[in-house]
Amino acid sequence: MSTPILPFAVWEAGTNQASIPANDNALRSEILAGRIISKTTTAQPAGVEGAIYIIPAGATGAMWATFTAGDLALFRGGTWYAFAPVTGLVVHMLGSLQQWTGSAWEEMAGGGGGALQSICVAASDETTALTVGAGKVTFRMPYAFALSGVRASLTTAQASGSLLTVDINESGASILSTKLTIDNTEKTSTTAAAPPVISDVNLADDAEITIDIDQVGDGSAKGLKVYLIGEPA
């Protein structure tokens, strides 16, 4: 069972290894002051410094599988740290405020979380068959943005072949550890068998964003759009 996030650790003057409770308190403070990325991600993502998640039931991965459902997990210094919530604790998740009831995290009605926004970008025209290539579209972020999700859609679905695969890059580096895919005969990534995993949730103001098409199938897919979902940071 994980250590409760509250109360903070205290220690008497002269305590040996006082850095241990001090470091734990620093981690607690970072979680309480930060923003939770997701409470539904079950697969342990690639570690991004400062990333915070609520551990859901059925979590998998070398460390996440050892944590308790409901824990608050922070990635710092190359490892994951988890703390157990206490009843009544409120944390800020992208788009909402979440409160621990003692057995589950529930969204607070009228909780005043930041309003979700989406940035939609067309990565092709509507009638030309999609082809593999880097930098299908390039744009710059209008402000710093905290991502909570990404999507892709098509005007015309492809019928067969390799899965349509799309990557999103910030300043030339992918922000996805599992890329966007659209299953054959589908028009949206929301139904994909393998959902995308975001490895870089913090997009900087004025960062250059590029969209790549890494793989296409039978050549019938058309009309690609990509959506960035989150809130201003």
C-alpha atoms as a PDB file:
ATOM      1  CA  MET A   1       0.000   0.000   0.000  1.00  0.00           C
ATOM      2  CA  SER A   2       1.328   3.427  -0.931  1.00  0.00           C
ATOM      3  CA  THR A   3       2.205   6.111   1.611  1.00  0.00           C
ATOM      4  CA  PRO A   4      -0.662   8.620   2.127  1.00  0.00           C
ATOM      5  CA  ILE A   5      -0.041  11.931   0.415  1.00  0.00           C
ATOM      6  CA  LEU A   6      -1.139  13.758   3.585  1.00  0.00           C
ATOM      7  CA  PRO A   7      -0.080  14.661   6.189  1.00  0.00           C
ATOM      8  CA  PHE A   8       3.435  15.794   5.215  1.00  0.00           C
ATOM      9  CA  ALA A   9       6.316  14.092   6.977  1.00  0.00           C
ATOM     10  CA  VAL A  10       7.882  15.845   9.968  1.00  0.00           C
ATOM     11  CA  TRP A  11      11.138  15.060  11.732  1.00  0.00           C
ATOM     12  CA  GLU A  12      13.030  16.186  14.791  1.00  0.00           C
ATOM     13  CA  ALA A  13      16.257  18.189  14.581  1.00  0.00           C
ATOM     14  CA  GLY A  14      19.223  15.877  14.226  1.00  0.00           C
ATOM     15  CA  THR A  15      17.236  13.107  12.534  1.00  0.00           C
ATOM     16  CA  ASN A  16      19.455  10.881  10.379  1.00  0.00           C
ATOM     17  CA  GLN A  17      18.773  11.022   6.652  1.00  0.00           C
ATOM     18  CA  ALA A  18      16.426  13.974   6.937  1.00  0.00           C
ATOM     19  CA  SER A  19      16.661  14.288   3.160  1.00  0.00           C
ATOM     20  CA  ILE A  20      14.328  11.285   2.773  1.00  0.00           C
ATOM     21  CA  PRO A  21      11.199  12.890   4.302  1.00  0.00           C
ATOM     22  CA  ALA A  22      12.204  16.226   2.770  1.00  0.00           C
ATOM     23  CA  ASN A  23      12.329  14.666  -0.700  1.00  0.00           C
ATOM     24  CA  ASP A  24       8.999  12.897  -0.104  1.00  0.00           C
ATOM     25  CA  ASN A  25       7.414  16.197   0.873  1.00  0.00           C
ATOM     26  CA  ALA A  26       8.758  17.827  -2.293  1.00  0.00           C
ATOM     27  CA  LEU A  27       7.148  15.072  -4.375  1.00  0.00           C
ATOM     28  CA  ARG A  28       3.859  15.477  -2.502  1.00  0.00           C
ATOM     29  CA  SER A  29       3.903  19.231  -3.129  1.00  0.00           C
ATOM     30  CA  GLU A  30       4.551  18.737  -6.830  1.00  0.00           C
ATOM     31  CA  ILE A  31       1.560  16.408  -7.164  1.00  0.00           C
ATOM     32  CA  LEU A  32      -0.788  18.641  -5.181  1.00  0.00           C
ATOM     33  CA  ALA A  33       0.213  21.748  -7.153  1.00  0.00           C
ATOM     34  CA  GLY A  34       0.338  20.029 -10.538  1.00  0.00           C
ATOM     35  CA  ARG A  35      -2.198  18.856 -13.090  1.00  0.00           C
ATOM     36  CA  ILE A  36      -3.214  15.246 -13.542  1.00  0.00           C
ATOM     37  CA  ILE A  37      -2.932  14.057 -17.143  1.00  0.00           C
ATOM     38  CA  SER A  38      -5.405  11.161 -16.972  1.00  0.00           C
ATOM     39  CA  LYS A  39      -7.224   8.776 -14.647  1.00  0.00           C
ATOM     40  CA  THR A  40      -8.040   6.210 -17.353  1.00  0.00           C
ATOM     41  CA  THR A  41      -4.613   5.401 -18.844  1.00  0.00           C
ATOM     42  CA  THR A  42      -3.937   1.773 -17.875  1.00  0.00           C
ATOM     43  CA  ALA A  43      -0.620   1.129 -19.644  1.00  0.00           C
ATOM     44  CA  GLN A  44       2.386   2.691 -17.892  1.00  0.00           C
ATOM     45  CA  PRO A  45       3.538   5.403 -20.330  1.00  0.00           C
ATOM     46  CA  ALA A  46       7.086   6.330 -21.214  1.00  0.00           C
ATOM     47  CA  GLY A  47       8.345   8.515 -18.394  1.00  0.00           C
ATOM     48  CA  VAL A  48       8.195  12.274 -18.935  1.00  0.00           C
ATOM     49  CA  GLU A  49       9.637  14.394 -16.125  1.00  0.00           C
ATOM     50  CA  GLY A  50       6.845  15.880 -14.024  1.00  0.00           C
ATOM     51  CA  ALA A  51       4.047  13.767 -15.541  1.00  0.00           C
ATOM     52  CA  ILE A  52       1.279  13.000 -13.024  1.00  0.00           C
ATOM     53  CA  TYR A  53      -1.412  10.323 -13.376  1.00  0.00           C
ATOM     54  CA  ILE A  54      -4.152   8.753 -11.297  1.00  0.00           C
ATOM     55  CA  ILE A  55      -3.593   4.994 -11.333  1.00  0.00           C
ATOM     56  CA  PRO A  56      -6.732   3.210 -12.612  1.00  0.00           C
ATOM     57  CA  ALA A  57      -7.846  -0.334 -11.867  1.00  0.00           C
ATOM     58  CA  GLY A  58      -6.017  -2.845 -14.043  1.00  0.00           C
ATOM     59  CA  ALA A  59      -2.905  -0.699 -14.519  1.00  0.00           C
ATOM     60  CA  THR A  60      -0.009  -2.475 -16.226  1.00  0.00           C
ATOM     61  CA  GLY A  61       3.718  -1.878 -16.444  1.00  0.00           C
ATOM     62  CA  ALA A  62       6.803  -2.621 -14.369  1.00  0.00           C
ATOM     63  CA  MET A  63       5.930  -0.054 -11.690  1.00  0.00           C
ATOM     64  CA  TRP A  64       2.281   0.832 -12.267  1.00  0.00           C
ATOM     65  CA  ALA A  65       1.219  -2.780 -11.731  1.00  0.00           C
ATOM     66  CA  THR A  66       2.628  -2.555  -8.192  1.00  0.00           C
ATOM     67  CA  PHE A  67       0.631   0.575  -7.311  1.00  0.00           C
ATOM     68  CA  THR A  68      -2.898   0.666  -5.875  1.00  0.00           C
ATOM     69  CA  ALA A  69      -5.867   1.857  -7.941  1.00  0.00           C
ATOM     70  CA  GLY A  70      -6.532   5.480  -7.056  1.00  0.00           C
ATOM     71  CA  ASP A  71      -2.906   6.307  -6.256  1.00  0.00           C
ATOM     72  CA  LEU A  72      -1.407   9.563  -7.486  1.00  0.00           C
ATOM     73  CA  ALA A  73       1.732   8.754  -9.487  1.00  0.00           C
ATOM     74  CA  LEU A  74       4.497  11.215 -10.407  1.00  0.00           C
ATOM     75  CA  PHE A  75       7.465  10.577 -12.721  1.00  0.00           C
ATOM     76  CA  ARG A  76      10.581  12.290 -11.402  1.00  0.00           C
ATOM     77  CA  GLY A  77      14.279  11.544 -11.757  1.00  0.00           C
ATOM     78  CA  GLY A  78      13.789   8.466 -13.911  1.00  0.00           C
ATOM     79  CA  THR A  79      11.289   6.646 -11.724  1.00  0.00           C
ATOM     80  CA  TRP A  80       7.631   6.637 -10.672  1.00  0.00           C
ATOM     81  CA  TYR A  81       6.537   7.622  -7.159  1.00  0.00           C
ATOM     82  CA  ALA A  82       3.027   6.864  -5.893  1.00  0.00           C
ATOM     83  CA  PHE A  83       1.079   8.289  -2.967  1.00  0.00           C
ATOM     84  CA  ALA A  84      -2.331   7.224  -1.692  1.00  0.00           C
ATOM     85  CA  PRO A  85      -5.055   9.898  -1.626  1.00  0.00           C
ATOM     86  CA  VAL A  86      -6.941  10.805   1.535  1.00  0.00           C
ATOM     87  CA  THR A  87     -10.714  11.215   1.688  1.00  0.00           C
ATOM     88  CA  GLY A  88     -11.809  14.642   0.490  1.00  0.00           C
ATOM     89  CA  LEU A  89      -8.584  15.416  -1.393  1.00  0.00           C
ATOM     90  CA  VAL A  90      -9.146  17.568  -4.494  1.00  0.00           C
ATOM     91  CA  VAL A  91      -6.719  17.627  -7.412  1.00  0.00           C
ATOM     92  CA  HIS A  92      -6.713  19.440 -10.750  1.00  0.00           C
ATOM     93  CA  MET A  93      -7.000  17.186 -13.775  1.00  0.00           C
ATOM     94  CA  LEU A  94      -6.967  18.619 -17.276  1.00  0.00           C
ATOM     95  CA  GLY A  95     -10.494  19.928 -17.785  1.00  0.00           C
ATOM     96  CA  SER A  96     -11.914  19.206 -14.313  1.00  0.00           C
ATOM     97  CA  LEU A  97     -11.427  19.014 -10.577  1.00  0.00           C
ATOM     98  CA  GLN A  98     -11.354  15.502  -9.130  1.00  0.00           C
ATOM     99  CA  GLN A  99     -12.187  14.577  -5.508  1.00  0.00           C
ATOM    100  CA  TRP A 100     -11.292  11.327  -3.730  1.00  0.00           C
ATOM    101  CA  THR A 101     -14.400   9.962  -1.996  1.00  0.00           C
ATOM    102  CA  GLY A 102     -12.520   7.320  -0.077  1.00  0.00           C
ATOM    103  CA  SER A 103     -13.082   4.702  -2.762  1.00  0.00           C
ATOM    104  CA  ALA A 104     -13.055   6.511  -6.121  1.00  0.00           C
ATOM    105  CA  TRP A 105     -12.087   9.713  -7.904  1.00  0.00           C
ATOM    106  CA  GLU A 106     -15.162  11.686  -8.939  1.00  0.00           C
ATOM    107  CA  GLU A 107     -15.473  14.886 -10.938  1.00  0.00           C
ATOM    108  CA  MET A 108     -16.714  17.786  -8.842  1.00  0.00           C
ATOM    109  CA  ALA A 109     -19.918  19.338 -10.202  1.00  0.00           C
ATOM    110  CA  GLY A 110     -19.176  22.933 -11.186  1.00  0.00           C
ATOM    111  CA  GLY A 111     -15.659  22.376  -9.986  1.00  0.00           C
ATOM    112  CA  GLY A 112     -14.141  25.095 -12.118  1.00  0.00           C
ATOM    113  CA  GLY A 113     -11.526  23.039 -13.930  1.00  0.00           C
ATOM    114  CA  GLY A 114     -10.020  24.678 -16.993  1.00  0.00           C
ATOM    115  CA  ALA A 115     -12.265  24.477 -20.041  1.00  0.00           C
ATOM    116  CA  LEU A 116     -11.072  21.934 -22.595  1.00  0.00           C
ATOM    117  CA  GLN A 117     -10.133  23.295 -25.982  1.00  0.00           C
ATOM    118  CA  SER A 118      -9.246  21.654 -29.266  1.00  0.00           C
ATOM    119  CA  ILE A 119      -6.981  22.743 -32.086  1.00  0.00           C
ATOM    120  CA  CYS A 120      -7.948  21.106 -35.382  1.00  0.00           C
ATOM    121  CA  VAL A 121      -5.542  21.096 -38.325  1.00  0.00           C
ATOM    122  CA  ALA A 122      -6.101  19.740 -41.827  1.00  0.00           C
ATOM    123  CA  ALA A 123      -3.132  17.667 -42.993  1.00  0.00           C
ATOM    124  CA  SER A 124      -4.411  17.159 -46.537  1.00  0.00           C
ATOM    125  CA  ASP A 125      -7.121  18.269 -48.941  1.00  0.00           C
ATOM    126  CA  GLU A 126     -10.433  16.406 -49.138  1.00  0.00           C
ATOM    127  CA  THR A 127     -10.010  14.541 -52.417  1.00  0.00           C
ATOM    128  CA  THR A 128      -6.361  13.511 -52.850  1.00  0.00           C
ATOM    129  CA  ALA A 129      -5.322  10.053 -51.623  1.00  0.00           C
ATOM    130  CA  LEU A 130      -2.985  10.235 -48.639  1.00  0.00           C
ATOM    131  CA  THR A 131       0.658   9.277 -49.071  1.00  0.00           C
ATOM    132  CA  VAL A 132       3.520   8.663 -46.651  1.00  0.00           C
ATOM    133  CA  GLY A 133       5.624  11.701 -45.840  1.00  0.00           C
ATOM    134  CA  ALA A 134       7.009  14.008 -43.169  1.00  0.00           C
ATOM    135  CA  GLY A 135       5.764  17.512 -42.527  1.00  0.00           C
ATOM    136  CA  LYS A 136       2.412  17.203 -44.285  1.00  0.00           C
ATOM    137  CA  VAL A 137       1.447  20.383 -42.465  1.00  0.00           C
ATOM    138  CA  THR A 138       3.421  22.780 -40.260  1.00  0.00           C
ATOM    139  CA  PHE A 139       2.034  25.328 -37.815  1.00  0.00           C
ATOM    140  CA  ARG A 140       3.034  27.089 -34.596  1.00  0.00           C
ATOM    141  CA  MET A 141       1.295  26.883 -31.240  1.00  0.00           C
ATOM    142  CA  PRO A 142      -0.625  30.106 -30.494  1.00  0.00           C
ATOM    143  CA  TYR A 143       0.021  29.676 -26.747  1.00  0.00           C
ATOM    144  CA  ALA A 144       1.425  27.133 -24.299  1.00  0.00           C
ATOM    145  CA  PHE A 145      -0.885  24.125 -24.207  1.00  0.00           C
ATOM    146  CA  ALA A 146      -1.298  21.178 -21.815  1.00  0.00           C
ATOM    147  CA  LEU A 147      -2.415  18.131 -23.806  1.00  0.00           C
ATOM    148  CA  SER A 148      -4.948  15.645 -22.498  1.00  0.00           C
ATOM    149  CA  GLY A 149      -5.685  13.906 -25.790  1.00  0.00           C
ATOM    150  CA  VAL A 150      -5.017  13.687 -29.529  1.00  0.00           C
ATOM    151  CA  ARG A 151      -7.210  12.417 -32.362  1.00  0.00           C
ATOM    152  CA  ALA A 152      -7.207  11.975 -36.111  1.00  0.00           C
ATOM    153  CA  SER A 153     -10.055  11.651 -38.586  1.00  0.00           C
ATOM    154  CA  LEU A 154     -10.613  10.969 -42.277  1.00  0.00           C
ATOM    155  CA  THR A 155     -13.179  12.104 -44.813  1.00  0.00           C
ATOM    156  CA  THR A 156     -12.783   8.811 -46.670  1.00  0.00           C
ATOM    157  CA  ALA A 157     -11.739   5.646 -44.844  1.00  0.00           C
ATOM    158  CA  GLN A 158      -9.235   3.246 -46.371  1.00  0.00           C
ATOM    159  CA  ALA A 159     -10.538  -0.224 -47.100  1.00  0.00           C
ATOM    160  CA  SER A 160      -7.529  -2.451 -46.450  1.00  0.00           C
ATOM    161  CA  GLY A 161      -3.785  -2.736 -46.067  1.00  0.00           C
ATOM    162  CA  SER A 162      -1.438  -1.443 -43.388  1.00  0.00           C
ATOM    163  CA  LEU A 163      -3.001   0.775 -40.716  1.00  0.00           C
ATOM    164  CA  LEU A 164      -2.953   4.491 -41.412  1.00  0.00           C
ATOM    165  CA  THR A 165      -0.391   5.842 -38.937  1.00  0.00           C
ATOM    166  CA  VAL A 166       0.111   9.501 -38.032  1.00  0.00           C
ATOM    167  CA  ASP A 167       2.753  11.207 -35.883  1.00  0.00           C
ATOM    168  CA  ILE A 168       2.764  14.641 -34.244  1.00  0.00           C
ATOM    169  CA  ASN A 169       6.065  16.430 -33.625  1.00  0.00           C
ATOM    170  CA  GLU A 170       7.033  19.403 -31.482  1.00  0.00           C
ATOM    171  CA  SER A 171      10.193  21.118 -32.772  1.00  0.00           C
ATOM    172  CA  GLY A 172      11.090  17.975 -34.710  1.00  0.00           C
ATOM    173  CA  ALA A 173      10.577  15.459 -31.865  1.00  0.00           C
ATOM    174  CA  SER A 174       7.560  13.154 -31.632  1.00  0.00           C
ATOM    175  CA  ILE A 175       5.142  13.832 -28.776  1.00  0.00           C
ATOM    176  CA  LEU A 176       3.723  10.286 -29.034  1.00  0.00           C
ATOM    177  CA  SER A 177       5.212   7.074 -27.698  1.00  0.00           C
ATOM    178  CA  THR A 178       2.347   5.174 -29.370  1.00  0.00           C
ATOM    179  CA  LYS A 179       1.336   6.897 -32.585  1.00  0.00           C
ATOM    180  CA  LEU A 180      -2.132   7.722 -33.863  1.00  0.00           C
ATOM    181  CA  THR A 181      -3.701   4.999 -35.988  1.00  0.00           C
ATOM    182  CA  ILE A 182      -7.022   4.675 -37.794  1.00  0.00           C
ATOM    183  CA  ASP A 183      -8.261   1.132 -38.314  1.00  0.00           C
ATOM    184  CA  ASN A 184      -9.295   0.027 -41.786  1.00  0.00           C
ATOM    185  CA  THR A 185     -12.895   0.970 -42.763  1.00  0.00           C
ATOM    186  CA  GLU A 186     -12.978   3.497 -39.873  1.00  0.00           C
ATOM    187  CA  LYS A 187     -12.878   7.296 -40.149  1.00  0.00           C
ATOM    188  CA  THR A 188     -11.644   8.121 -36.641  1.00  0.00           C
ATOM    189  CA  SER A 189      -8.771   7.189 -34.350  1.00  0.00           C
ATOM    190  CA  THR A 190     -11.177   7.053 -31.380  1.00  0.00           C
ATOM    191  CA  THR A 191     -12.115   3.492 -32.398  1.00  0.00           C
ATOM    192  CA  ALA A 192      -8.513   2.321 -32.940  1.00  0.00           C
ATOM    193  CA  ALA A 193      -7.519  -0.975 -31.375  1.00  0.00           C
ATOM    194  CA  ALA A 194      -4.309   0.678 -30.150  1.00  0.00           C
ATOM    195  CA  PRO A 195      -5.012   4.142 -28.692  1.00  0.00           C
ATOM    196  CA  PRO A 196      -2.267   6.786 -28.871  1.00  0.00           C
ATOM    197  CA  VAL A 197      -0.025   7.446 -25.879  1.00  0.00           C
ATOM    198  CA  ILE A 198       1.234  10.997 -25.336  1.00  0.00           C
ATOM    199  CA  SER A 199       4.852  11.229 -24.184  1.00  0.00           C
ATOM    200  CA  ASP A 200       5.099  15.046 -24.211  1.00  0.00           C
ATOM    201  CA  VAL A 201       1.995  16.700 -22.742  1.00  0.00           C
ATOM    202  CA  ASN A 202       3.399  20.230 -22.525  1.00  0.00           C
ATOM    203  CA  LEU A 203       3.491  22.122 -25.826  1.00  0.00           C
ATOM    204  CA  ALA A 204       5.424  25.381 -25.603  1.00  0.00           C
ATOM    205  CA  ASP A 205       4.130  28.736 -26.802  1.00  0.00           C
ATOM    206  CA  ASP A 206       5.160  29.291 -30.446  1.00  0.00           C
ATOM    207  CA  ALA A 207       6.526  25.733 -30.742  1.00  0.00           C
ATOM    208  CA  GLU A 208       6.642  24.425 -34.324  1.00  0.00           C
ATOM    209  CA  ILE A 209       4.257  21.502 -34.762  1.00  0.00           C
ATOM    210  CA  THR A 210       4.485  19.160 -37.745  1.00  0.00           C
ATOM    211  CA  ILE A 211       2.249  16.271 -38.783  1.00  0.00           C
ATOM    212  CA  ASP A 212       3.757  13.180 -40.447  1.00  0.00           C
ATOM    213  CA  ILE A 213       2.000  10.319 -42.202  1.00  0.00           C
ATOM    214  CA  ASP A 214       4.182   7.327 -41.356  1.00  0.00           C
ATOM    215  CA  GLN A 215       2.151   4.577 -43.015  1.00  0.00           C
ATOM    216  CA  VAL A 216      -0.808   4.163 -45.381  1.00  0.00           C
ATOM    217  CA  GLY A 217      -2.735   1.137 -46.587  1.00  0.00           C
ATOM    218  CA  ASP A 218      -4.431   0.583 -49.936  1.00  0.00           C
ATOM    219  CA  GLY A 219      -4.198   4.240 -50.941  1.00  0.00           C
ATOM    220  CA  SER A 220      -7.893   5.069 -50.606  1.00  0.00           C
ATOM    221  CA  ALA A 221      -7.762   7.207 -47.432  1.00  0.00           C
ATOM    222  CA  LYS A 222      -8.486  10.915 -47.935  1.00  0.00           C
ATOM    223  CA  GLY A 223      -9.128  14.063 -45.921  1.00  0.00           C
ATOM    224  CA  LEU A 224      -6.870  13.800 -42.846  1.00  0.00           C
ATOM    225  CA  LYS A 225      -7.422  16.081 -39.860  1.00  0.00           C
ATOM    226  CA  VAL A 226      -5.529  16.031 -36.565  1.00  0.00           C
ATOM    227  CA  TYR A 227      -6.855  17.339 -33.250  1.00  0.00           C
ATOM    228  CA  LEU A 228      -4.935  18.524 -30.191  1.00  0.00           C
ATOM    229  CA  ILE A 229      -7.141  18.438 -27.068  1.00  0.00           C
ATOM    230  CA  GLY A 230      -6.281  20.090 -23.762  1.00  0.00           C
ATOM    231  CA  GLU A 231      -6.193  23.512 -22.140  1.00  0.00           C
ATOM    232  CA  PRO A 232      -3.945  26.580 -22.121  1.00  0.00           C
ATOM    233  CA  ALA A 233      -1.028  26.109 -19.751  1.00  0.00           C
END
